[in-house]
All heavy atoms as atom14 arrays in JSON, in Angstrom:
{
  "sequence": "ERREKSGTYPKYELLTSHLSRRSFATNMYSLGMMSSSDIRKMTGHKTE",
  "atom14_mask": [
    [1, 1, 1, 1, 1, 1, 1, 1, 1, 0, 0, 0, 0, 0],
    [1, 1, 1, 1, 1, 1, 1, 1, 1, 1, 1, 0, 0, 0],
    [1, 1, 1, 1, 1, 1, 1, 1, 1, 1, 1, 0, 0, 0],
    [1, 1, 1, 1, 1, 1, 1, 1, 1, 0, 0, 0, 0, 0],
    [1, 1, 1, 1, 1, 1, 1, 1, 1, 0, 0, 0, 0, 0],
    [1, 1, 1, 1, 1, 1, 0, 0, 0, 0, 0, 0, 0, 0],
    [1, 1, 1, 1, 0, 0, 0, 0, 0, 0, 0, 0, 0, 0],
    [1, 1, 1, 1, 1, 1, 1, 0, 0, 0, 0, 0, 0, 0],
    [1, 1, 1, 1, 1, 1, 1, 1, 1, 1, 1, 1, 0, 0],
    [1, 1, 1, 1, 1, 1, 1, 0, 0, 0, 0, 0, 0, 0],
    [1, 1, 1, 1, 1, 1, 1, 1, 1, 0, 0, 0, 0, 0],
    [1, 1, 1, 1, 1, 1, 1, 1, 1, 1, 1, 1, 0, 0],
    [1, 1, 1, 1, 1, 1, 1, 1, 1, 0, 0, 0, 0, 0],
    [1, 1, 1, 1, 1, 1, 1, 1, 0, 0, 0, 0, 0, 0],
    [1, 1, 1, 1, 1, 1, 1, 1, 0, 0, 0, 0, 0, 0],
    [1, 1, 1, 1, 1, 1, 1, 0, 0, 0, 0, 0, 0, 0],
    [1, 1, 1, 1, 1, 1, 0, 0, 0, 0, 0, 0, 0, 0],
    [1, 1, 1, 1, 1, 1, 1, 1, 1, 1, 0, 0, 0, 0],
    [1, 1, 1, 1, 1, 1, 1, 1, 0, 0, 0, 0, 0, 0],
    [1, 1, 1, 1, 1, 1, 0, 0, 0, 0, 0, 0, 0, 0],
    [1, 1, 1, 1, 1, 1, 1, 1, 1, 1, 1, 0, 0, 0],
    [1, 1, 1, 1, 1, 1, 1, 1, 1, 1, 1, 0, 0, 0],
    [1, 1, 1, 1, 1, 1, 0, 0, 0, 0, 0, 0, 0, 0],
    [1, 1, 1, 1, 1, 1, 1, 1, 1, 1, 1, 0, 0, 0],
    [1, 1, 1, 1, 1, 0, 0, 0, 0, 0, 0, 0, 0, 0],
    [1, 1, 1, 1, 1, 1, 1, 0, 0, 0, 0, 0, 0, 0],
    [1, 1, 1, 1, 1, 1, 1, 1, 0, 0, 0, 0, 0, 0],
    [1, 1, 1, 1, 1, 1, 1, 1, 0, 0, 0, 0, 0, 0],
    [1, 1, 1, 1, 1, 1, 1, 1, 1, 1, 1, 1, 0, 0],
    [1, 1, 1, 1, 1, 1, 0, 0, 0, 0, 0, 0, 0, 0],
    [1, 1, 1, 1, 1, 1, 1, 1, 0, 0, 0, 0, 0, 0],
    [1, 1, 1, 1, 0, 0, 0, 0, 0, 0, 0, 0, 0, 0],
    [1, 1, 1, 1, 1, 1, 1, 1, 0, 0, 0, 0, 0, 0],
    [1, 1, 1, 1, 1, 1, 1, 1, 0, 0, 0, 0, 0, 0],
    [1, 1, 1, 1, 1, 1, 0, 0, 0, 0, 0, 0, 0, 0],
    [1, 1, 1, 1, 1, 1, 0, 0, 0, 0, 0, 0, 0, 0],
    [1, 1, 1, 1, 1, 1, 0, 0, 0, 0, 0, 0, 0, 0],
    [1, 1, 1, 1, 1, 1, 1, 1, 0, 0, 0, 0, 0, 0],
    [1, 1, 1, 1, 1, 1, 1, 1, 0, 0, 0, 0, 0, 0],
    [1, 1, 1, 1, 1, 1, 1, 1, 1, 1, 1, 0, 0, 0],
    [1, 1, 1, 1, 1, 1, 1, 1, 1, 0, 0, 0, 0, 0],
    [1, 1, 1, 1, 1, 1, 1, 1, 0, 0, 0, 0, 0, 0],
    [1, 1, 1, 1, 1, 1, 1, 0, 0, 0, 0, 0, 0, 0],
    [1, 1, 1, 1, 0, 0, 0, 0, 0, 0, 0, 0, 0, 0],
    [1, 1, 1, 1, 1, 1, 1, 1, 1, 1, 0, 0, 0, 0],
    [1, 1, 1, 1, 1, 1, 1, 1, 1, 0, 0, 0, 0, 0],
    [1, 1, 1, 1, 1, 1, 1, 0, 0, 0, 0, 0, 0, 0],
    [1, 1, 1, 1, 1, 1, 1, 1, 1, 0, 0, 0, 0, 0]
  ],
  "atom14_positions": [
    [[-2.92, 9.29, 34.18], [-3.03, 7.84, 34.12], [-2.15, 7.3, 33.01], [-1.9, 7.98, 32.02], [-4.49, 7.41, 33.9], [-5.4, 7.81, 35.04], [-6.77, 7.15, 34.91], [-6.88, 6.14, 34.2], [-7.72, 7.66, 35.52], [0.0, 0.0, 0.0], [0.0, 0.0, 0.0], [0.0, 0.0, 0.0], [0.0, 0.0, 0.0], [0.0, 0.0, 0.0]],
    [[-1.68, 6.05, 33.19], [-0.84, 5.41, 32.2], [-1.71, 4.83, 31.09], [-2.63, 4.07, 31.35], [0.0, 4.31, 32.84], [1.02, 4.84, 33.84], [1.61, 3.73, 34.69], [2.4, 2.81, 33.89], [3.68, 2.98, 33.61], [4.31, 4.06, 34.04], [4.34, 2.09, 32.91], [0.0, 0.0, 0.0], [0.0, 0.0, 0.0], [0.0, 0.0, 0.0]],
    [[-1.4, 5.19, 29.86], [-2.12, 4.66, 28.7], [-1.11, 4.4, 27.58], [-0.1, 5.07, 27.47], [-3.16, 5.67, 28.18], [-4.34, 5.87, 29.1], [-5.28, 4.66, 29.08], [-6.49, 4.92, 29.83], [-6.66, 4.68, 31.11], [-5.63, 4.21, 31.81], [-7.82, 4.92, 31.71], [0.0, 0.0, 0.0], [0.0, 0.0, 0.0], [0.0, 0.0, 0.0]],
    [[-1.43, 3.39, 26.75], [-0.59, 3.13, 25.58], [-0.96, 4.12, 24.48], [-2.13, 4.27, 24.14], [-0.78, 1.69, 25.11], [-0.14, 0.69, 26.06], [-0.23, -0.73, 25.53], [-1.08, -0.97, 24.65], [0.55, -1.58, 25.98], [0.0, 0.0, 0.0], [0.0, 0.0, 0.0], [0.0, 0.0, 0.0], [0.0, 0.0, 0.0], [0.0, 0.0, 0.0]],
    [[0.04, 4.78, 23.94], [-0.19, 5.81, 22.92], [0.52, 5.42, 21.63], [1.71, 5.1, 21.63], [0.34, 7.16, 23.43], [0.02, 8.31, 22.5], [0.47, 9.62, 23.11], [0.14, 10.8, 22.19], [0.58, 12.08, 22.76], [0.0, 0.0, 0.0], [0.0, 0.0, 0.0], [0.0, 0.0, 0.0], [0.0, 0.0, 0.0], [0.0, 0.0, 0.0]],
    [[-0.25, 5.42, 20.52], [0.31, 5.07, 19.22], [1.08, 6.24, 18.64], [0.75, 7.4, 18.87], [-0.82, 4.67, 18.26], [-1.54, 3.57, 18.77], [0.0, 0.0, 0.0], [0.0, 0.0, 0.0], [0.0, 0.0, 0.0], [0.0, 0.0, 0.0], [0.0, 0.0, 0.0], [0.0, 0.0, 0.0], [0.0, 0.0, 0.0], [0.0, 0.0, 0.0]],
    [[2.1, 5.91, 17.87], [2.88, 6.95, 17.21], [4.12, 6.37, 16.57], [4.3, 5.14, 16.54], [0.0, 0.0, 0.0], [0.0, 0.0, 0.0], [0.0, 0.0, 0.0], [0.0, 0.0, 0.0], [0.0, 0.0, 0.0], [0.0, 0.0, 0.0], [0.0, 0.0, 0.0], [0.0, 0.0, 0.0], [0.0, 0.0, 0.0], [0.0, 0.0, 0.0]],
    [[4.99, 7.24, 16.08], [6.27, 6.81, 15.49], [7.38, 7.16, 16.46], [7.54, 8.33, 16.83], [6.49, 7.51, 14.13], [5.4, 7.19, 13.26], [7.79, 7.03, 13.49], [0.0, 0.0, 0.0], [0.0, 0.0, 0.0], [0.0, 0.0, 0.0], [0.0, 0.0, 0.0], [0.0, 0.0, 0.0], [0.0, 0.0, 0.0], [0.0, 0.0, 0.0]],
    [[8.14, 6.14, 16.87], [9.16, 6.32, 17.89], [10.45, 5.59, 17.48], [10.41, 4.66, 16.66], [8.69, 5.73, 19.23], [7.34, 6.2, 19.7], [6.21, 5.41, 19.55], [7.2, 7.44, 20.31], [4.97, 5.83, 20.0], [5.97, 7.89, 20.75], [4.85, 7.07, 20.59], [3.62, 7.5, 21.03], [0.0, 0.0, 0.0], [0.0, 0.0, 0.0]],
    [[11.59, 5.96, 18.06], [12.79, 5.16, 17.87], [12.53, 3.73, 18.38], [11.86, 3.55, 19.39], [13.84, 5.87, 18.75], [13.32, 7.26, 18.9], [11.84, 7.16, 18.9], [0.0, 0.0, 0.0], [0.0, 0.0, 0.0], [0.0, 0.0, 0.0], [0.0, 0.0, 0.0], [0.0, 0.0, 0.0], [0.0, 0.0, 0.0], [0.0, 0.0, 0.0]],
    [[13.06, 2.75, 17.68], [12.73, 1.37, 17.99], [13.03, 1.01, 19.44], [12.28, 0.27, 20.08], [13.47, 0.41, 17.06], [13.13, -1.05, 17.29], [13.62, -1.94, 16.18], [13.15, -3.37, 16.4], [13.48, -4.25, 15.26], [0.0, 0.0, 0.0], [0.0, 0.0, 0.0], [0.0, 0.0, 0.0], [0.0, 0.0, 0.0], [0.0, 0.0, 0.0]],
    [[14.13, 1.55, 19.99], [14.49, 1.17, 21.35], [13.42, 1.59, 22.36], [13.27, 0.96, 23.41], [15.87, 1.74, 21.74], [15.93, 3.23, 21.93], [15.6, 3.81, 23.14], [16.33, 4.06, 20.88], [15.67, 5.19, 23.33], [16.4, 5.44, 21.05], [16.07, 6.0, 22.27], [16.13, 7.35, 22.45], [0.0, 0.0, 0.0], [0.0, 0.0, 0.0]],
    [[12.65, 2.65, 22.04], [11.6, 3.08, 22.95], [10.4, 2.13, 22.96], [9.57, 2.18, 23.86], [11.13, 4.49, 22.58], [12.17, 5.57, 22.81], [11.61, 6.97, 22.57], [10.38, 7.1, 22.43], [12.42, 7.93, 22.53], [0.0, 0.0, 0.0], [0.0, 0.0, 0.0], [0.0, 0.0, 0.0], [0.0, 0.0, 0.0], [0.0, 0.0, 0.0]],
    [[10.31, 1.25, 21.95], [9.19, 0.32, 21.84], [9.5, -1.03, 22.47], [8.63, -1.9, 22.5], [8.82, 0.13, 20.36], [8.39, 1.39, 19.61], [8.19, 1.09, 18.13], [7.11, 1.97, 20.21], [0.0, 0.0, 0.0], [0.0, 0.0, 0.0], [0.0, 0.0, 0.0], [0.0, 0.0, 0.0], [0.0, 0.0, 0.0], [0.0, 0.0, 0.0]],
    [[10.72, -1.21, 22.96], [11.09, -2.52, 23.53], [10.37, -2.74, 24.86], [10.43, -1.91, 25.76], [12.6, -2.6, 23.73], [13.47, -2.56, 22.48], [14.92, -2.82, 22.85], [13.01, -3.55, 21.43], [0.0, 0.0, 0.0], [0.0, 0.0, 0.0], [0.0, 0.0, 0.0], [0.0, 0.0, 0.0], [0.0, 0.0, 0.0], [0.0, 0.0, 0.0]],
    [[9.71, -3.88, 24.96], [9.04, -4.28, 26.2], [9.24, -5.77, 26.4], [9.66, -6.49, 25.48], [7.52, -4.0, 26.14], [6.93, -4.84, 25.13], [7.23, -2.54, 25.81], [0.0, 0.0, 0.0], [0.0, 0.0, 0.0], [0.0, 0.0, 0.0], [0.0, 0.0, 0.0], [0.0, 0.0, 0.0], [0.0, 0.0, 0.0], [0.0, 0.0, 0.0]],
    [[8.89, -6.23, 27.57], [9.02, -7.66, 27.86], [8.17, -8.51, 26.93], [8.54, -9.63, 26.56], [8.62, -7.93, 29.32], [7.28, -7.51, 29.55], [0.0, 0.0, 0.0], [0.0, 0.0, 0.0], [0.0, 0.0, 0.0], [0.0, 0.0, 0.0], [0.0, 0.0, 0.0], [0.0, 0.0, 0.0], [0.0, 0.0, 0.0], [0.0, 0.0, 0.0]],
    [[7.01, -7.98, 26.51], [6.12, -8.75, 25.65], [6.65, -8.88, 24.23], [6.25, -9.78, 23.49], [4.73, -8.11, 25.62], [3.68, -8.98, 25.0], [3.13, -10.06, 25.66], [3.1, -8.97, 23.78], [2.25, -10.66, 24.87], [2.21, -10.02, 23.72], [0.0, 0.0, 0.0], [0.0, 0.0, 0.0], [0.0, 0.0, 0.0], [0.0, 0.0, 0.0]],
    [[7.57, -8.0, 23.86], [8.11, -8.02, 22.5], [8.81, -9.33, 22.18], [8.8, -9.78, 21.03], [9.1, -6.86, 22.34], [9.53, -6.51, 20.92], [8.35, -5.99, 20.12], [10.64, -5.47, 20.96], [0.0, 0.0, 0.0], [0.0, 0.0, 0.0], [0.0, 0.0, 0.0], [0.0, 0.0, 0.0], [0.0, 0.0, 0.0], [0.0, 0.0, 0.0]],
    [[9.39, -9.98, 23.19], [10.1, -11.24, 22.93], [9.13, -12.34, 22.51], [9.41, -13.12, 21.6], [10.91, -11.67, 24.16], [10.1, -11.72, 25.31], [0.0, 0.0, 0.0], [0.0, 0.0, 0.0], [0.0, 0.0, 0.0], [0.0, 0.0, 0.0], [0.0, 0.0, 0.0], [0.0, 0.0, 0.0], [0.0, 0.0, 0.0], [0.0, 0.0, 0.0]],
    [[7.96, -12.42, 23.15], [6.94, -13.41, 22.77], [6.45, -13.18, 21.34], [6.38, -14.11, 20.53], [5.73, -13.31, 23.71], [5.68, -14.33, 24.79], [4.55, -14.02, 25.75], [3.23, -14.21, 25.17], [2.65, -15.4, 24.99], [3.29, -16.51, 25.31], [1.43, -15.49, 24.51], [0.0, 0.0, 0.0], [0.0, 0.0, 0.0], [0.0, 0.0, 0.0]],
    [[6.13, -11.93, 21.03], [5.64, -11.62, 19.69], [6.72, -11.85, 18.64], [6.45, -12.33, 17.53], [5.15, -10.18, 19.64], [4.32, -9.86, 18.4], [3.97, -8.39, 18.34], [3.12, -7.96, 19.43], [1.8, -8.07, 19.44], [1.18, -8.62, 18.42], [1.1, -7.63, 20.47], [0.0, 0.0, 0.0], [0.0, 0.0, 0.0], [0.0, 0.0, 0.0]],
    [[7.97, -11.53, 18.98], [9.07, -11.73, 18.04], [9.27, -13.21, 17.75], [9.47, -13.61, 16.6], [10.37, -11.12, 18.6], [10.26, -9.73, 18.74], [0.0, 0.0, 0.0], [0.0, 0.0, 0.0], [0.0, 0.0, 0.0], [0.0, 0.0, 0.0], [0.0, 0.0, 0.0], [0.0, 0.0, 0.0], [0.0, 0.0, 0.0], [0.0, 0.0, 0.0]],
    [[9.22, -14.03, 18.79], [9.36, -15.48, 18.6], [8.3, -15.99, 17.62], [8.61, -16.66, 16.63], [9.23, -16.22, 19.93], [9.08, -17.71, 19.76], [10.19, -18.51, 19.59], [7.82, -18.29, 19.75], [10.04, -19.88, 19.4], [7.66, -19.66, 19.58], [8.79, -20.46, 19.4], [0.0, 0.0, 0.0], [0.0, 0.0, 0.0], [0.0, 0.0, 0.0]],
    [[7.04, -15.67, 17.9], [5.95, -16.18, 17.08], [6.06, -15.67, 15.64], [5.88, -16.43, 14.68], [4.61, -15.78, 17.68], [0.0, 0.0, 0.0], [0.0, 0.0, 0.0], [0.0, 0.0, 0.0], [0.0, 0.0, 0.0], [0.0, 0.0, 0.0], [0.0, 0.0, 0.0], [0.0, 0.0, 0.0], [0.0, 0.0, 0.0], [0.0, 0.0, 0.0]],
    [[6.36, -14.37, 15.48], [6.44, -13.79, 14.15], [7.61, -14.36, 13.35], [7.47, -14.71, 12.17], [6.58, -12.25, 14.24], [5.49, -11.73, 15.0], [6.58, -11.62, 12.86], [0.0, 0.0, 0.0], [0.0, 0.0, 0.0], [0.0, 0.0, 0.0], [0.0, 0.0, 0.0], [0.0, 0.0, 0.0], [0.0, 0.0, 0.0], [0.0, 0.0, 0.0]],
    [[8.77, -14.47, 13.98], [9.94, -15.01, 13.29], [9.73, -16.46, 12.86], [10.01, -16.83, 11.72], [11.18, -14.91, 14.18], [11.69, -13.49, 14.33], [11.56, -12.68, 13.42], [12.25, -13.18, 15.48], [0.0, 0.0, 0.0], [0.0, 0.0, 0.0], [0.0, 0.0, 0.0], [0.0, 0.0, 0.0], [0.0, 0.0, 0.0], [0.0, 0.0, 0.0]],
    [[9.23, -17.27, 13.77], [9.05, -18.69, 13.45], [8.0, -18.89, 12.36], [8.13, -19.75, 11.5], [8.63, -19.46, 14.71], [9.66, -19.5, 15.81], [11.24, -20.26, 15.33], [12.26, -18.79, 15.06], [0.0, 0.0, 0.0], [0.0, 0.0, 0.0], [0.0, 0.0, 0.0], [0.0, 0.0, 0.0], [0.0, 0.0, 0.0], [0.0, 0.0, 0.0]],
    [[6.96, -18.04, 12.36], [5.88, -18.16, 11.38], [6.29, -17.61, 10.02], [6.15, -18.28, 9.0], [4.64, -17.42, 11.89], [3.39, -17.63, 11.07], [2.5, -18.66, 11.35], [3.09, -16.78, 10.01], [1.34, -18.84, 10.59], [1.94, -16.94, 9.25], [1.08, -17.97, 9.55], [-0.06, -18.15, 8.8], [0.0, 0.0, 0.0], [0.0, 0.0, 0.0]],
    [[6.81, -16.38, 10.02], [7.1, -15.73, 8.74], [8.26, -16.39, 8.01], [8.31, -16.39, 6.78], [7.42, -14.24, 8.97], [8.56, -14.09, 9.78], [0.0, 0.0, 0.0], [0.0, 0.0, 0.0], [0.0, 0.0, 0.0], [0.0, 0.0, 0.0], [0.0, 0.0, 0.0], [0.0, 0.0, 0.0], [0.0, 0.0, 0.0], [0.0, 0.0, 0.0]],
    [[9.2, -16.97, 8.76], [10.35, -17.65, 8.14], [10.06, -19.13, 7.85], [10.91, -19.83, 7.31], [11.59, -17.52, 9.03], [12.08, -16.08, 9.27], [13.21, -16.07, 10.28], [12.52, -15.44, 7.96], [0.0, 0.0, 0.0], [0.0, 0.0, 0.0], [0.0, 0.0, 0.0], [0.0, 0.0, 0.0], [0.0, 0.0, 0.0], [0.0, 0.0, 0.0]],
    [[8.86, -19.59, 8.23], [8.5, -20.98, 7.99], [9.33, -21.97, 8.78], [9.51, -23.12, 8.37], [0.0, 0.0, 0.0], [0.0, 0.0, 0.0], [0.0, 0.0, 0.0], [0.0, 0.0, 0.0], [0.0, 0.0, 0.0], [0.0, 0.0, 0.0], [0.0, 0.0, 0.0], [0.0, 0.0, 0.0], [0.0, 0.0, 0.0], [0.0, 0.0, 0.0]],
    [[9.84, -21.55, 9.95], [10.72, -22.41, 10.73], [9.95, -23.37, 11.63], [10.5, -24.35, 12.11], [11.68, -21.55, 11.57], [12.52, -20.61, 10.72], [13.6, -19.52, 11.68], [14.89, -20.66, 12.14], [0.0, 0.0, 0.0], [0.0, 0.0, 0.0], [0.0, 0.0, 0.0], [0.0, 0.0, 0.0], [0.0, 0.0, 0.0], [0.0, 0.0, 0.0]],
    [[8.68, -23.04, 11.92], [7.82, -23.9, 12.75], [6.43, -23.89, 12.17], [6.01, -22.89, 11.57], [7.74, -23.38, 14.19], [8.83, -23.78, 15.1], [8.41, -23.29, 16.81], [9.99, -23.57, 17.58], [0.0, 0.0, 0.0], [0.0, 0.0, 0.0], [0.0, 0.0, 0.0], [0.0, 0.0, 0.0], [0.0, 0.0, 0.0], [0.0, 0.0, 0.0]],
    [[5.71, -24.97, 12.37], [4.3, -24.98, 11.98], [3.51, -24.09, 12.93], [3.91, -23.87, 14.08], [3.74, -26.4, 12.01], [3.65, -26.86, 13.35], [0.0, 0.0, 0.0], [0.0, 0.0, 0.0], [0.0, 0.0, 0.0], [0.0, 0.0, 0.0], [0.0, 0.0, 0.0], [0.0, 0.0, 0.0], [0.0, 0.0, 0.0], [0.0, 0.0, 0.0]],
    [[2.39, -23.58, 12.46], [1.57, -22.7, 13.31], [1.07, -23.45, 14.54], [0.93, -22.86, 15.62], [0.4, -22.13, 12.52], [-0.4, -23.17, 11.99], [0.0, 0.0, 0.0], [0.0, 0.0, 0.0], [0.0, 0.0, 0.0], [0.0, 0.0, 0.0], [0.0, 0.0, 0.0], [0.0, 0.0, 0.0], [0.0, 0.0, 0.0], [0.0, 0.0, 0.0]],
    [[0.79, -24.73, 14.41], [0.3, -25.49, 15.57], [1.37, -25.62, 16.63], [1.08, -25.57, 17.83], [-0.19, -26.88, 15.13], [0.86, -27.62, 14.54], [0.0, 0.0, 0.0], [0.0, 0.0, 0.0], [0.0, 0.0, 0.0], [0.0, 0.0, 0.0], [0.0, 0.0, 0.0], [0.0, 0.0, 0.0], [0.0, 0.0, 0.0], [0.0, 0.0, 0.0]],
    [[2.64, -25.77, 16.22], [3.74, -25.84, 17.19], [3.96, -24.49, 17.86], [4.24, -24.42, 19.06], [5.02, -26.3, 16.5], [4.99, -27.78, 16.13], [4.13, -28.51, 16.67], [5.8, -28.2, 15.29], [0.0, 0.0, 0.0], [0.0, 0.0, 0.0], [0.0, 0.0, 0.0], [0.0, 0.0, 0.0], [0.0, 0.0, 0.0], [0.0, 0.0, 0.0]],
    [[3.84, -23.41, 17.07], [3.98, -22.07, 17.66], [2.89, -21.84, 18.69], [3.14, -21.34, 19.79], [3.91, -20.98, 16.56], [5.09, -21.13, 15.6], [3.91, -19.58, 17.18], [5.0, -20.25, 14.37], [0.0, 0.0, 0.0], [0.0, 0.0, 0.0], [0.0, 0.0, 0.0], [0.0, 0.0, 0.0], [0.0, 0.0, 0.0], [0.0, 0.0, 0.0]],
    [[1.65, -22.22, 18.35], [0.53, -22.02, 19.26], [0.7, -22.84, 20.54], [0.26, -22.42, 21.61], [-0.79, -22.37, 18.58], [-1.21, -21.35, 17.54], [-2.65, -21.51, 17.11], [-2.86, -22.68, 16.3], [-3.57, -23.74, 16.68], [-4.13, -23.78, 17.87], [-3.73, -24.76, 15.87], [0.0, 0.0, 0.0], [0.0, 0.0, 0.0], [0.0, 0.0, 0.0]],
    [[1.36, -23.97, 20.44], [1.6, -24.78, 21.64], [2.46, -24.01, 22.63], [2.27, -24.11, 23.84], [2.29, -26.1, 21.25], [2.63, -26.99, 22.44], [3.27, -28.28, 21.99], [3.79, -29.1, 23.16], [2.76, -29.46, 24.14], [0.0, 0.0, 0.0], [0.0, 0.0, 0.0], [0.0, 0.0, 0.0], [0.0, 0.0, 0.0], [0.0, 0.0, 0.0]],
    [[3.39, -23.22, 22.12], [4.27, -22.45, 22.99], [3.65, -21.13, 23.44], [3.85, -20.7, 24.57], [5.61, -22.21, 22.3], [6.42, -23.49, 22.11], [8.08, -23.2, 21.43], [8.86, -22.28, 22.76], [0.0, 0.0, 0.0], [0.0, 0.0, 0.0], [0.0, 0.0, 0.0], [0.0, 0.0, 0.0], [0.0, 0.0, 0.0], [0.0, 0.0, 0.0]],
    [[2.9, -20.48, 22.54], [2.35, -19.17, 22.89], [1.01, -19.27, 23.62], [0.61, -18.33, 24.3], [2.15, -18.3, 21.64], [1.21, -18.94, 20.76], [3.48, -18.09, 20.9], [0.0, 0.0, 0.0], [0.0, 0.0, 0.0], [0.0, 0.0, 0.0], [0.0, 0.0, 0.0], [0.0, 0.0, 0.0], [0.0, 0.0, 0.0], [0.0, 0.0, 0.0]],
    [[0.31, -20.4, 23.43], [-0.98, -20.58, 24.1], [-2.17, -20.06, 23.32], [-3.28, -20.07, 23.84], [0.0, 0.0, 0.0], [0.0, 0.0, 0.0], [0.0, 0.0, 0.0], [0.0, 0.0, 0.0], [0.0, 0.0, 0.0], [0.0, 0.0, 0.0], [0.0, 0.0, 0.0], [0.0, 0.0, 0.0], [0.0, 0.0, 0.0], [0.0, 0.0, 0.0]],
    [[-1.96, -19.61, 22.08], [-3.11, -19.18, 21.27], [-3.97, -20.39, 20.91], [-3.46, -21.41, 20.45], [-2.63, -18.47, 19.99], [-2.02, -17.14, 20.26], [-0.65, -16.96, 20.44], [-2.57, -15.9, 20.39], [-0.4, -15.68, 20.66], [-1.55, -15.02, 20.65], [0.0, 0.0, 0.0], [0.0, 0.0, 0.0], [0.0, 0.0, 0.0], [0.0, 0.0, 0.0]],
    [[-5.27, -20.25, 21.11], [-6.16, -21.4, 20.97], [-6.51, -21.72, 19.52], [-6.85, -22.85, 19.21], [-7.45, -21.16, 21.77], [-7.21, -20.95, 23.27], [-6.49, -22.12, 23.89], [-6.29, -21.9, 25.39], [-5.45, -22.97, 26.0], [0.0, 0.0, 0.0], [0.0, 0.0, 0.0], [0.0, 0.0, 0.0], [0.0, 0.0, 0.0], [0.0, 0.0, 0.0]],
    [[-6.48, -20.71, 18.65], [-6.87, -20.93, 17.26], [-5.84, -20.32, 16.32], [-5.07, -19.43, 16.69], [-8.24, -20.31, 16.94], [-8.13, -18.87, 17.01], [-9.31, -20.79, 17.92], [0.0, 0.0, 0.0], [0.0, 0.0, 0.0], [0.0, 0.0, 0.0], [0.0, 0.0, 0.0], [0.0, 0.0, 0.0], [0.0, 0.0, 0.0], [0.0, 0.0, 0.0]],
    [[-5.87, -20.8, 15.07], [-4.99, -20.27, 14.03], [-5.26, -18.78, 13.8], [-4.35, -17.98, 13.61], [-5.24, -21.05, 12.74], [-4.35, -20.64, 11.58], [-3.06, -21.44, 11.53], [-2.89, -22.37, 12.33], [-2.22, -21.09, 10.69], [0.0, 0.0, 0.0], [0.0, 0.0, 0.0], [0.0, 0.0, 0.0], [0.0, 0.0, 0.0], [0.0, 0.0, 0.0]]
  ]
}
């Protein structure tokens, strides 16, 4: 069966379609480029 397995891997092996969503939110938040409420409007997270 397919399961997600934690470990240390070359970065390219960790690339997935979901990585783009998480990268957007993390970059905008950590760099202070967007307010958290604006980020949540795009990602759909209901709370801070």
